[in-house]
C-alpha atoms as a PDB file:
ATOM      1  CA  MET A   1     107.044  89.984 156.311  1.00  0.00           C
ATOM      2  CA  SER A   2     105.682  93.488 155.787  1.00  0.00           C
ATOM      3  CA  ARG A   3     103.083  94.274 153.175  1.00  0.00           C
ATOM      4  CA  SER A   4     105.522  96.334 151.065  1.00  0.00           C
ATOM      5  CA  THR A   5     108.134  93.554 151.161  1.00  0.00           C
ATOM      6  CA  ALA A   6     105.534  91.012 150.041  1.00  0.00           C
ATOM      7  CA  LYS A   7     104.499  93.303 147.178  1.00  0.00           C
ATOM      8  CA  ARG A   8     108.135  93.753 146.093  1.00  0.00           C
ATOM      9  CA  ASP A   9     108.621  89.977 146.182  1.00  0.00           C
ATOM     10  CA  GLU A  10     105.494  89.490 144.066  1.00  0.00           C
ATOM     11  CA  ILE A  11     106.726  92.037 141.508  1.00  0.00           C
ATOM     12  CA  GLU A  12     110.159  90.439 141.426  1.00  0.00           C
ATOM     13  CA  GLN A  13     108.690  86.963 140.897  1.00  0.00           C
ATOM     14  CA  ARG A  14     106.580  88.290 138.017  1.00  0.00           C
ATOM     15  CA  ARG A  15     109.660  89.932 136.463  1.00  0.00           C
ATOM     16  CA  VAL A  16     111.553  86.639 136.694  1.00  0.00           C
ATOM     17  CA  GLN A  17     108.674  84.998 134.812  1.00  0.00           C
ATOM     18  CA  VAL A  18     108.605  87.827 132.246  1.00  0.00           C
ATOM     19  CA  ALA A  19     112.348  87.420 131.702  1.00  0.00           C
ATOM     20  CA  GLN A  20     112.021  83.660 131.226  1.00  0.00           C
ATOM     21  CA  LEU A  21     109.155  84.050 128.766  1.00  0.00           C
ATOM     22  CA  VAL A  22     110.816  86.799 126.731  1.00  0.00           C
ATOM     23  CA  LYS A  23     114.054  84.811 126.524  1.00  0.00           C
ATOM     24  CA  GLY A  24     111.949  81.887 125.333  1.00  0.00           C
ATOM     25  CA  GLY A  25     110.640  84.010 122.455  1.00  0.00           C
ATOM     26  CA  ALA A  26     107.173  84.916 123.742  1.00  0.00           C
ATOM     27  CA  SER A  27     105.606  88.167 122.557  1.00  0.00           C
ATOM     28  CA  GLN A  28     104.486  90.808 125.036  1.00  0.00           C
ATOM     29  CA  ARG A  29     100.851  89.909 124.350  1.00  0.00           C
ATOM     30  CA  GLU A  30     101.574  86.212 125.031  1.00  0.00           C
ATOM     31  CA  ILE A  31     103.395  87.111 128.252  1.00  0.00           C
ATOM     32  CA  ALA A  32     100.515  89.304 129.426  1.00  0.00           C
ATOM     33  CA  ARG A  33      98.020  86.521 128.721  1.00  0.00           C
ATOM     34  CA  ALA A  34     100.169  83.875 130.448  1.00  0.00           C
ATOM     35  CA  LEU A  35     100.666  85.961 133.579  1.00  0.00           C
ATOM     36  CA  GLY A  36      97.190  87.497 133.680  1.00  0.00           C
ATOM     37  CA  VAL A  37      98.420  91.087 133.528  1.00  0.00           C
ATOM     38  CA  GLY A  38      98.043  93.931 131.040  1.00  0.00           C
ATOM     39  CA  LEU A  39     100.388  94.813 128.201  1.00  0.00           C
ATOM     40  CA  ALA A  40     101.375  98.018 129.993  1.00  0.00           C
ATOM     41  CA  ARG A  41     102.554  95.998 133.016  1.00  0.00           C
ATOM     42  CA  VAL A  42     104.606  93.655 130.800  1.00  0.00           C
ATOM     43  CA  ASN A  43     106.115  96.651 128.972  1.00  0.00           C
ATOM     44  CA  SER A  44     106.998  98.297 132.288  1.00  0.00           C
ATOM     45  CA  ASP A  45     108.577  95.086 133.589  1.00  0.00           C
ATOM     46  CA  LEU A  46     110.595  94.713 130.372  1.00  0.00           C
ATOM     47  CA  GLN A  47     111.896  98.270 130.661  1.00  0.00           C
ATOM     48  CA  VAL A  48     113.118  97.546 134.190  1.00  0.00           C
ATOM     49  CA  LEU A  49     114.621  94.214 133.117  1.00  0.00           C
ATOM     50  CA  ARG A  50     116.408  95.671 130.091  1.00  0.00           C
ATOM     51  CA  LYS A  51     117.902  98.417 132.243  1.00  0.00           C
ATOM     52  CA  ARG A  52     119.150  95.787 134.692  1.00  0.00           C
ATOM     53  CA  TRP A  53     120.557  93.650 131.901  1.00  0.00           C
ATOM     54  CA  ARG A  54     122.447  96.631 130.468  1.00  0.00           C
ATOM     55  CA  GLN A  55     123.866  97.438 133.897  1.00  0.00           C
ATOM     56  CA  GLU A  56     124.802  93.807 134.532  1.00  0.00           C
ATOM     57  CA  SER A  57     126.538  93.524 131.172  1.00  0.00           C
ATOM     58  CA  GLY A  58     129.041  96.132 132.354  1.00  0.00           C
ATOM     59  CA  ILE A  59     129.122  97.838 128.964  1.00  0.00           C
ATOM     60  CA  ALA A  60     126.560 100.446 128.001  1.00  0.00           C
ATOM     61  CA  THR A  61     125.093 100.121 124.533  1.00  0.00           C
ATOM     62  CA  ALA A  62     126.747 103.320 123.293  1.00  0.00           C
ATOM     63  CA  GLU A  63     130.125 102.109 124.534  1.00  0.00           C
ATOM     64  CA  HIS A  64     129.579  98.760 122.836  1.00  0.00           C
ATOM     65  CA  VAL A  65     128.758 100.476 119.529  1.00  0.00           C
ATOM     66  CA  ALA A  66     131.804 102.718 119.890  1.00  0.00           C
ATOM     67  CA  LEU A  67     134.036  99.670 120.406  1.00  0.00           C
ATOM     68  CA  ASP A  68     132.564  97.950 117.342  1.00  0.00           C
ATOM     69  CA  VAL A  69     133.005 101.063 115.198  1.00  0.00           C
ATOM     70  CA  GLN A  70     136.610 101.409 116.382  1.00  0.00           C
ATOM     71  CA  ARG A  71     137.255  97.762 115.488  1.00  0.00           C
ATOM     72  CA  LEU A  72     135.694  98.224 112.023  1.00  0.00           C
ATOM     73  CA  ASN A  73     137.797 101.348 111.450  1.00  0.00           C
ATOM     74  CA  GLU A  74     140.941  99.408 112.308  1.00  0.00           C
ATOM     75  CA  TRP A  75     139.983  96.685 109.829  1.00  0.00           C
ATOM     76  CA  LEU A  76     139.381  99.280 107.125  1.00  0.00           C
ATOM     77  CA  ILE A  77     142.813 100.756 107.746  1.00  0.00           C
ATOM     78  CA  ALA A  78     144.348  97.271 107.586  1.00  0.00           C
ATOM     79  CA  ILE A  79     142.960  96.597 104.093  1.00  0.00           C
ATOM     80  CA  THR A  80     143.355 100.107 102.648  1.00  0.00           C
ATOM     81  CA  ASN A  81     146.444  99.293 100.551  1.00  0.00           C
ATOM     82  CA  GLU A  82     144.784  96.215  99.032  1.00  0.00           C
ATOM     83  CA  VAL A  83     141.646  98.231  98.224  1.00  0.00           C
ATOM     84  CA  ARG A  84     143.707 100.996  96.592  1.00  0.00           C
ATOM     85  CA  SER A  85     145.580  98.442  94.501  1.00  0.00           C
ATOM     86  CA  GLY A  86     142.251  97.151  93.140  1.00  0.00           C
ATOM     87  CA  ASP A  87     142.098  93.804  94.953  1.00  0.00           C
ATOM     88  CA  LYS A  88     138.466  92.791  94.336  1.00  0.00           C
ATOM     89  CA  ARG A  89     138.232  90.634  97.448  1.00  0.00           C
ATOM     90  CA  ALA A  90     139.546  93.482  99.620  1.00  0.00           C
ATOM     91  CA  ILE A  91     137.054  95.860  98.010  1.00  0.00           C
ATOM     92  CA  GLU A  92     134.181  93.458  98.797  1.00  0.00           C
ATOM     93  CA  VAL A  93     135.336  93.117 102.391  1.00  0.00           C
ATOM     94  CA  GLY A  94     135.746  96.890 102.660  1.00  0.00           C
ATOM     95  CA  LEU A  95     132.222  97.460 101.386  1.00  0.00           C
ATOM     96  CA  ARG A  96     130.810  94.993 103.911  1.00  0.00           C
ATOM     97  CA  ILE A  97     132.736  96.751 106.683  1.00  0.00           C
ATOM     98  CA  LEU A  98     131.371 100.126 105.530  1.00  0.00           C
ATOM     99  CA  GLU A  99     127.827  98.743 105.423  1.00  0.00           C
ATOM    100  CA  ARG A 100     128.132  97.349 108.944  1.00  0.00           C
ATOM    101  CA  ARG A 101     129.646 100.604 110.194  1.00  0.00           C
ATOM    102  CA  ALA A 102     126.825 102.650 108.630  1.00  0.00           C
ATOM    103  CA  ALA A 103     124.224 100.354 110.186  1.00  0.00           C
ATOM    104  CA  LEU A 104     125.803 100.657 113.650  1.00  0.00           C
ATOM    105  CA  LEU A 105     125.857 104.436 113.352  1.00  0.00           C
ATOM    106  CA  GLY A 106     122.294 104.595 112.035  1.00  0.00           C
ATOM    107  CA  LEU A 107     123.353 106.131 108.721  1.00  0.00           C
ATOM    108  CA  ASP A 108     121.320 103.764 106.525  1.00  0.00           C
ATOM    109  CA  ALA A 109     117.716 104.309 105.562  1.00  0.00           C
ATOM    110  CA  PRO A 110     115.415 101.756 107.155  1.00  0.00           C
ATOM    111  CA  ARG A 111     115.081  98.548 105.148  1.00  0.00           C
ATOM    112  CA  ARG A 112     111.449  98.056 106.136  1.00  0.00           C
ATOM    113  CA  VAL A 113     108.472 100.347 106.489  1.00  0.00           C
ATOM    114  CA  ASP A 114     106.842 100.352 109.917  1.00  0.00           C
ATOM    115  CA  GLN A 115     103.068 100.302 109.891  1.00  0.00           C
ATOM    116  CA  ARG A 116     100.605 100.574 112.730  1.00  0.00           C
ATOM    117  CA  LEU A 117      97.326  98.714 112.868  1.00  0.00           C
ATOM    118  CA  HIS A 118      95.137  99.437 115.872  1.00  0.00           C
ATOM    119  CA  GLY A 119      98.200 100.722 117.743  1.00  0.00           C
ATOM    120  CA  GLN A 120     100.157  97.519 117.118  1.00  0.00           C
ATOM    121  CA  LEU A 121     103.477  98.077 115.339  1.00  0.00           C
ATOM    122  CA  LEU A 122     103.883  95.820 112.341  1.00  0.00           C
ATOM    123  CA  ALA A 123     106.966  95.645 110.143  1.00  0.00           C
ATOM    124  CA  GLY A 124     106.144  95.441 106.472  1.00  0.00           C
ATOM    125  CA  PRO A 125     108.022  95.082 103.229  1.00  0.00           C
ATOM    126  CA  PRO A 126     109.830  98.053 101.679  1.00  0.00           C
ATOM    127  CA  ILE A 127     107.501 100.630 100.134  1.00  0.00           C
ATOM    128  CA  GLU A 128     108.952 100.028  96.651  1.00  0.00           C
ATOM    129  CA  GLU A 129     107.960  96.385  96.886  1.00  0.00           C
ATOM    130  CA  LEU A 130     104.425  97.329  97.945  1.00  0.00           C
ATOM    131  CA  TRP A 131     104.129  99.824  95.080  1.00  0.00           C
ATOM    132  CA  THR A 132     105.359  97.312  92.481  1.00  0.00           C
ATOM    133  CA  LYS A 133     102.964  94.626  93.743  1.00  0.00           C
ATOM    134  CA  ALA A 134     100.046  97.077  93.684  1.00  0.00           C
ATOM    135  CA  GLU A 135     100.837  98.052  90.087  1.00  0.00           C
ATOM    136  CA  GLN A 136     101.064  94.372  89.081  1.00  0.00           C
ATOM    137  CA  ILE A 137      97.648  93.662  90.570  1.00  0.00           C
ATOM    138  CA  LEU A 138      96.097  96.702  88.900  1.00  0.00           C
ATOM    139  CA  VAL A 139      97.614  95.864  85.497  1.00  0.00           C
ATOM    140  CA  ALA A 140      96.336  92.276  85.831  1.00  0.00           C
ATOM    141  CA  GLU A 141      92.857  93.757  86.371  1.00  0.00           C
ATOM    142  CA  GLY A 142      93.143  95.774  83.155  1.00  0.00           C
ATOM    143  CA  TRP A 143      94.349  99.095  84.551  1.00  0.00           C
ATOM    144  CA  THR A 144      96.717 101.047  82.348  1.00  0.00           C
ATOM    145  CA  PRO A 145      99.259 103.213  84.167  1.00  0.00           C
ATOM    146  CA  PRO A 146      99.057 106.858  83.070  1.00  0.00           C
ATOM    147  CA  SER A 147     101.977 108.056  81.011  1.00  0.00           C
ATOM    148  CA  ASP A 148     104.109 110.773  82.566  1.00  0.00           C
ATOM    149  CA  GLU A 149     103.687 112.870  79.405  1.00  0.00           C
ATOM    150  CA  ALA A 150      99.936 112.985  79.978  1.00  0.00           C
ATOM    151  CA  ASN A 151     100.626 114.292  83.473  1.00  0.00           C
ATOM    152  CA  GLY A 152     102.902 117.021  82.138  1.00  0.00           C
ATOM    153  CA  ASN A 153     106.094 115.434  83.482  1.00  0.00           C
ATOM    154  CA  GLY A 154     107.681 114.957  80.060  1.00  0.00           C
ATOM    155  CA  ALA A 155     109.833 111.873  80.614  1.00  0.00           C
ATOM    156  CA  ALA A 156     108.713 108.411  81.583  1.00  0.00           C
ATOM    157  CA  ARG A 157     109.542 107.147  85.055  1.00  0.00           C
END
């Protein structure tokens, strides 16, 4: 066996292990620690694996989204008469279809705020929730929120 073939086999074995660990729910950091490699190597292996998985699935992600959107559009058309007649159940279903369609197309604002701590991406609660909690803590400590009139804004928030 040539040196390059042995190296390819070693890489392929590691990628099989990465795939097994990621499918088992391990984080990239846990995978790197378990295999004794760096995070960059795990990330690189995952990029290769995900590309393979997309190719093996036979349907590209964009095509899959397009099929789902087409299906949702057909469902909307099917319930249009019921929605127009005021059927509350049909309206609820229609709204859920529209929400799903918007999410697939990326039309919704993100539901969570992404934060980075030492380069590590962390998903946090929505900014409104953080703001409300901060105000509650400050008020509990005796802080009085400034009135908007004092700031020259005229109307209260």
